[in-house]
Amino acid sequence: MTLKEIKELLQAEVICGDHHLGTEIILAGGSDLMSDVLAFGKPGLLLLTGLTNLQSVRTADIIEAKAIIYVRGKKPDDQTIKLAAEKNIPLLSTPLMMYEACGLLYQAGIPGVSPANNSNKAND
């Protein structure tokens, strides 16, 4: 599923990185705890979070996430947007709650990562 299709599914708006909308997304995960993202995230992950500060972008960069979608209509500040642009990490914002956004992605066939099943890999 492409990031553009996910954008439409989640009624999201692009904050930065609209030239990445053709990116294929095969794995997603949602968390506001960046320590969990670092522990269980995988390269290629689509990160859903309500945390809009610089740490969300830094964490996404470390795990080689494909994009970040901020939930609950949240939007990052200009400094966070600038860092995401420098790191080539697209940022989107959806008005949906994290539970609903993750459920829609799962229903659409995008698997997630979890401590119980940490074998999901974007490169499998």
C-alpha atoms as a PDB file:
ATOM      1  CA  MET A   1       0.000   0.000   0.000  1.00  0.00           C
ATOM      2  CA  THR A   2       1.439   3.389  -0.894  1.00  0.00           C
ATOM      3  CA  LEU A   3       1.725   6.328   1.448  1.00  0.00           C
ATOM      4  CA  LYS A   4      -0.750   8.142  -0.818  1.00  0.00           C
ATOM      5  CA  GLU A   5      -3.320   5.370  -0.324  1.00  0.00           C
ATOM      6  CA  ILE A   6      -2.726   5.503   3.422  1.00  0.00           C
ATOM      7  CA  LYS A   7      -3.122   9.274   3.370  1.00  0.00           C
ATOM      8  CA  GLU A   8      -6.539   8.851   1.767  1.00  0.00           C
ATOM      9  CA  LEU A   9      -7.563   5.978   4.059  1.00  0.00           C
ATOM     10  CA  LEU A  10      -6.704   7.951   7.188  1.00  0.00           C
ATOM     11  CA  GLN A  11      -8.009  11.292   5.862  1.00  0.00           C
ATOM     12  CA  ALA A  12      -4.537  12.673   6.516  1.00  0.00           C
ATOM     13  CA  GLU A  13      -2.876  15.814   5.322  1.00  0.00           C
ATOM     14  CA  VAL A  14       0.764  16.000   4.279  1.00  0.00           C
ATOM     15  CA  ILE A  15       2.854  18.312   6.437  1.00  0.00           C
ATOM     16  CA  CYS A  16       6.093  17.714   4.539  1.00  0.00           C
ATOM     17  CA  GLY A  17       7.471  15.210   2.064  1.00  0.00           C
ATOM     18  CA  ASP A  18       4.621  15.035  -0.445  1.00  0.00           C
ATOM     19  CA  HIS A  19       7.138  13.821  -3.036  1.00  0.00           C
ATOM     20  CA  HIS A  20       7.337  10.571  -1.006  1.00  0.00           C
ATOM     21  CA  LEU A  21       3.653   9.669  -1.446  1.00  0.00           C
ATOM     22  CA  GLY A  22       4.559   6.862  -3.851  1.00  0.00           C
ATOM     23  CA  THR A  23       6.552   5.075  -1.123  1.00  0.00           C
ATOM     24  CA  GLU A  24       5.357   1.533  -0.460  1.00  0.00           C
ATOM     25  CA  ILE A  25       4.410   0.876   3.155  1.00  0.00           C
ATOM     26  CA  ILE A  26       4.386  -2.726   4.354  1.00  0.00           C
ATOM     27  CA  LEU A  27       4.612  -2.378   8.149  1.00  0.00           C
ATOM     28  CA  ALA A  28       3.128  -0.016  10.743  1.00  0.00           C
ATOM     29  CA  GLY A  29       3.212   0.605  14.455  1.00  0.00           C
ATOM     30  CA  GLY A  30       1.724   3.090  16.863  1.00  0.00           C
ATOM     31  CA  SER A  31       3.204   4.381  20.109  1.00  0.00           C
ATOM     32  CA  ASP A  32       3.763   7.555  22.084  1.00  0.00           C
ATOM     33  CA  LEU A  33       6.672   5.918  23.909  1.00  0.00           C
ATOM     34  CA  MET A  34       9.749   6.366  21.757  1.00  0.00           C
ATOM     35  CA  SER A  35      11.594   3.805  23.895  1.00  0.00           C
ATOM     36  CA  ASP A  36       9.069   1.200  22.672  1.00  0.00           C
ATOM     37  CA  VAL A  37       9.574   2.336  19.086  1.00  0.00           C
ATOM     38  CA  LEU A  38      13.335   1.935  19.501  1.00  0.00           C
ATOM     39  CA  ALA A  39      12.883  -1.506  21.069  1.00  0.00           C
ATOM     40  CA  PHE A  40      10.357  -2.927  18.601  1.00  0.00           C
ATOM     41  CA  GLY A  41      10.523  -0.733  15.491  1.00  0.00           C
ATOM     42  CA  LYS A  42      11.830  -2.104  12.214  1.00  0.00           C
ATOM     43  CA  PRO A  43      13.300  -0.480   9.119  1.00  0.00           C
ATOM     44  CA  GLY A  44      10.471   0.485   6.787  1.00  0.00           C
ATOM     45  CA  LEU A  45       7.982   1.112   9.598  1.00  0.00           C
ATOM     46  CA  LEU A  46       5.177   3.647   9.266  1.00  0.00           C
ATOM     47  CA  LEU A  47       5.137   5.265  12.716  1.00  0.00           C
ATOM     48  CA  LEU A  48       1.856   6.530  14.155  1.00  0.00           C
ATOM     49  CA  THR A  49       2.228   8.725  17.219  1.00  0.00           C
ATOM     50  CA  GLY A  50       0.809  11.674  19.094  1.00  0.00           C
ATOM     51  CA  LEU A  51       4.302  12.833  20.056  1.00  0.00           C
ATOM     52  CA  THR A  52       5.071  15.808  17.829  1.00  0.00           C
ATOM     53  CA  ASN A  53       8.460  16.916  19.110  1.00  0.00           C
ATOM     54  CA  LEU A  54      11.930  16.477  17.627  1.00  0.00           C
ATOM     55  CA  GLN A  55      12.319  13.125  19.388  1.00  0.00           C
ATOM     56  CA  SER A  56       9.696  11.512  17.146  1.00  0.00           C
ATOM     57  CA  VAL A  57      11.733  12.395  14.053  1.00  0.00           C
ATOM     58  CA  ARG A  58      15.040  11.403  15.638  1.00  0.00           C
ATOM     59  CA  THR A  59      13.574   8.047  16.648  1.00  0.00           C
ATOM     60  CA  ALA A  60      12.084   7.488  13.192  1.00  0.00           C
ATOM     61  CA  ASP A  61      15.494   8.240  11.680  1.00  0.00           C
ATOM     62  CA  ILE A  62      17.266   5.747  13.968  1.00  0.00           C
ATOM     63  CA  ILE A  63      14.907   2.879  13.118  1.00  0.00           C
ATOM     64  CA  GLU A  64      14.805   3.891   9.430  1.00  0.00           C
ATOM     65  CA  ALA A  65      11.053   4.506   9.428  1.00  0.00           C
ATOM     66  CA  LYS A  66       9.437   5.372   6.082  1.00  0.00           C
ATOM     67  CA  ALA A  67       7.133   8.089   7.469  1.00  0.00           C
ATOM     68  CA  ILE A  68       5.402   9.478  10.545  1.00  0.00           C
ATOM     69  CA  ILE A  69       1.674  10.030  10.879  1.00  0.00           C
ATOM     70  CA  TYR A  70       0.640  12.205  13.801  1.00  0.00           C
ATOM     71  CA  VAL A  71      -2.732  11.216  15.230  1.00  0.00           C
ATOM     72  CA  ARG A  72      -5.541  13.260  16.807  1.00  0.00           C
ATOM     73  CA  GLY A  73      -4.923  16.126  14.384  1.00  0.00           C
ATOM     74  CA  LYS A  74      -1.615  16.971  16.009  1.00  0.00           C
ATOM     75  CA  LYS A  75       1.022  18.890  14.086  1.00  0.00           C
ATOM     76  CA  PRO A  76       4.695  19.429  14.866  1.00  0.00           C
ATOM     77  CA  ASP A  77       6.429  22.773  15.214  1.00  0.00           C
ATOM     78  CA  ASP A  78       8.592  24.300  12.481  1.00  0.00           C
ATOM     79  CA  GLN A  79      11.840  22.944  13.951  1.00  0.00           C
ATOM     80  CA  THR A  80      10.507  19.370  13.858  1.00  0.00           C
ATOM     81  CA  ILE A  81       9.251  19.820  10.292  1.00  0.00           C
ATOM     82  CA  LYS A  82      12.663  21.152   9.252  1.00  0.00           C
ATOM     83  CA  LEU A  83      14.453  18.147  10.792  1.00  0.00           C
ATOM     84  CA  ALA A  84      12.064  15.715   9.079  1.00  0.00           C
ATOM     85  CA  ALA A  85      12.693  17.403   5.731  1.00  0.00           C
ATOM     86  CA  GLU A  86      16.465  17.167   6.287  1.00  0.00           C
ATOM     87  CA  LYS A  87      16.134  13.459   7.134  1.00  0.00           C
ATOM     88  CA  ASN A  88      13.734  12.794   4.203  1.00  0.00           C
ATOM     89  CA  ILE A  89      11.009  11.567   6.534  1.00  0.00           C
ATOM     90  CA  PRO A  90       7.511  12.493   5.358  1.00  0.00           C
ATOM     91  CA  LEU A  91       5.162  13.834   8.021  1.00  0.00           C
ATOM     92  CA  LEU A  92       1.389  13.537   7.878  1.00  0.00           C
ATOM     93  CA  SER A  93      -1.421  14.348  10.288  1.00  0.00           C
ATOM     94  CA  THR A  94      -4.715  12.482  10.669  1.00  0.00           C
ATOM     95  CA  PRO A  95      -7.701  13.622  12.706  1.00  0.00           C
ATOM     96  CA  LEU A  96      -8.245  10.002  13.807  1.00  0.00           C
ATOM     97  CA  MET A  97      -7.369   8.588  17.213  1.00  0.00           C
ATOM     98  CA  MET A  98      -4.412   6.198  17.214  1.00  0.00           C
ATOM     99  CA  TYR A  99      -6.613   3.161  17.903  1.00  0.00           C
ATOM    100  CA  GLU A 100      -8.830   3.854  14.911  1.00  0.00           C
ATOM    101  CA  ALA A 101      -5.946   4.740  12.573  1.00  0.00           C
ATOM    102  CA  CYS A 102      -4.031   1.567  13.453  1.00  0.00           C
ATOM    103  CA  GLY A 103      -7.202  -0.505  13.097  1.00  0.00           C
ATOM    104  CA  LEU A 104      -7.891   0.852   9.629  1.00  0.00           C
ATOM    105  CA  LEU A 105      -4.330   0.100   8.544  1.00  0.00           C
ATOM    106  CA  TYR A 106      -4.519  -3.428   9.943  1.00  0.00           C
ATOM    107  CA  GLN A 107      -7.871  -3.982   8.248  1.00  0.00           C
ATOM    108  CA  ALA A 108      -6.309  -2.791   4.977  1.00  0.00           C
ATOM    109  CA  GLY A 109      -3.631  -5.476   5.254  1.00  0.00           C
ATOM    110  CA  ILE A 110      -0.730  -3.574   6.821  1.00  0.00           C
ATOM    111  CA  PRO A 111       0.782  -5.754   9.573  1.00  0.00           C
ATOM    112  CA  GLY A 112       2.130  -4.296  12.784  1.00  0.00           C
ATOM    113  CA  VAL A 113       4.980  -4.990  15.147  1.00  0.00           C
ATOM    114  CA  SER A 114       4.540  -6.030  18.761  1.00  0.00           C
ATOM    115  CA  PRO A 115       6.639  -7.507  21.550  1.00  0.00           C
ATOM    116  CA  ALA A 116       4.567 -10.703  21.284  1.00  0.00           C
ATOM    117  CA  ASN A 117       5.402 -11.124  17.604  1.00  0.00           C
ATOM    118  CA  ASN A 118       8.701  -9.376  17.038  1.00  0.00           C
ATOM    119  CA  SER A 119       9.455 -11.387  13.886  1.00  0.00           C
ATOM    120  CA  ASN A 120       7.830  -8.889  11.480  1.00  0.00           C
ATOM    121  CA  LYS A 121      10.482  -7.412   9.237  1.00  0.00           C
ATOM    122  CA  ALA A 122      10.125  -5.019   6.349  1.00  0.00           C
ATOM    123  CA  ASN A 123      12.778  -6.987   4.474  1.00  0.00           C
ATOM    124  CA  ASP A 124      11.211 -10.473   4.806  1.00  0.00           C
END
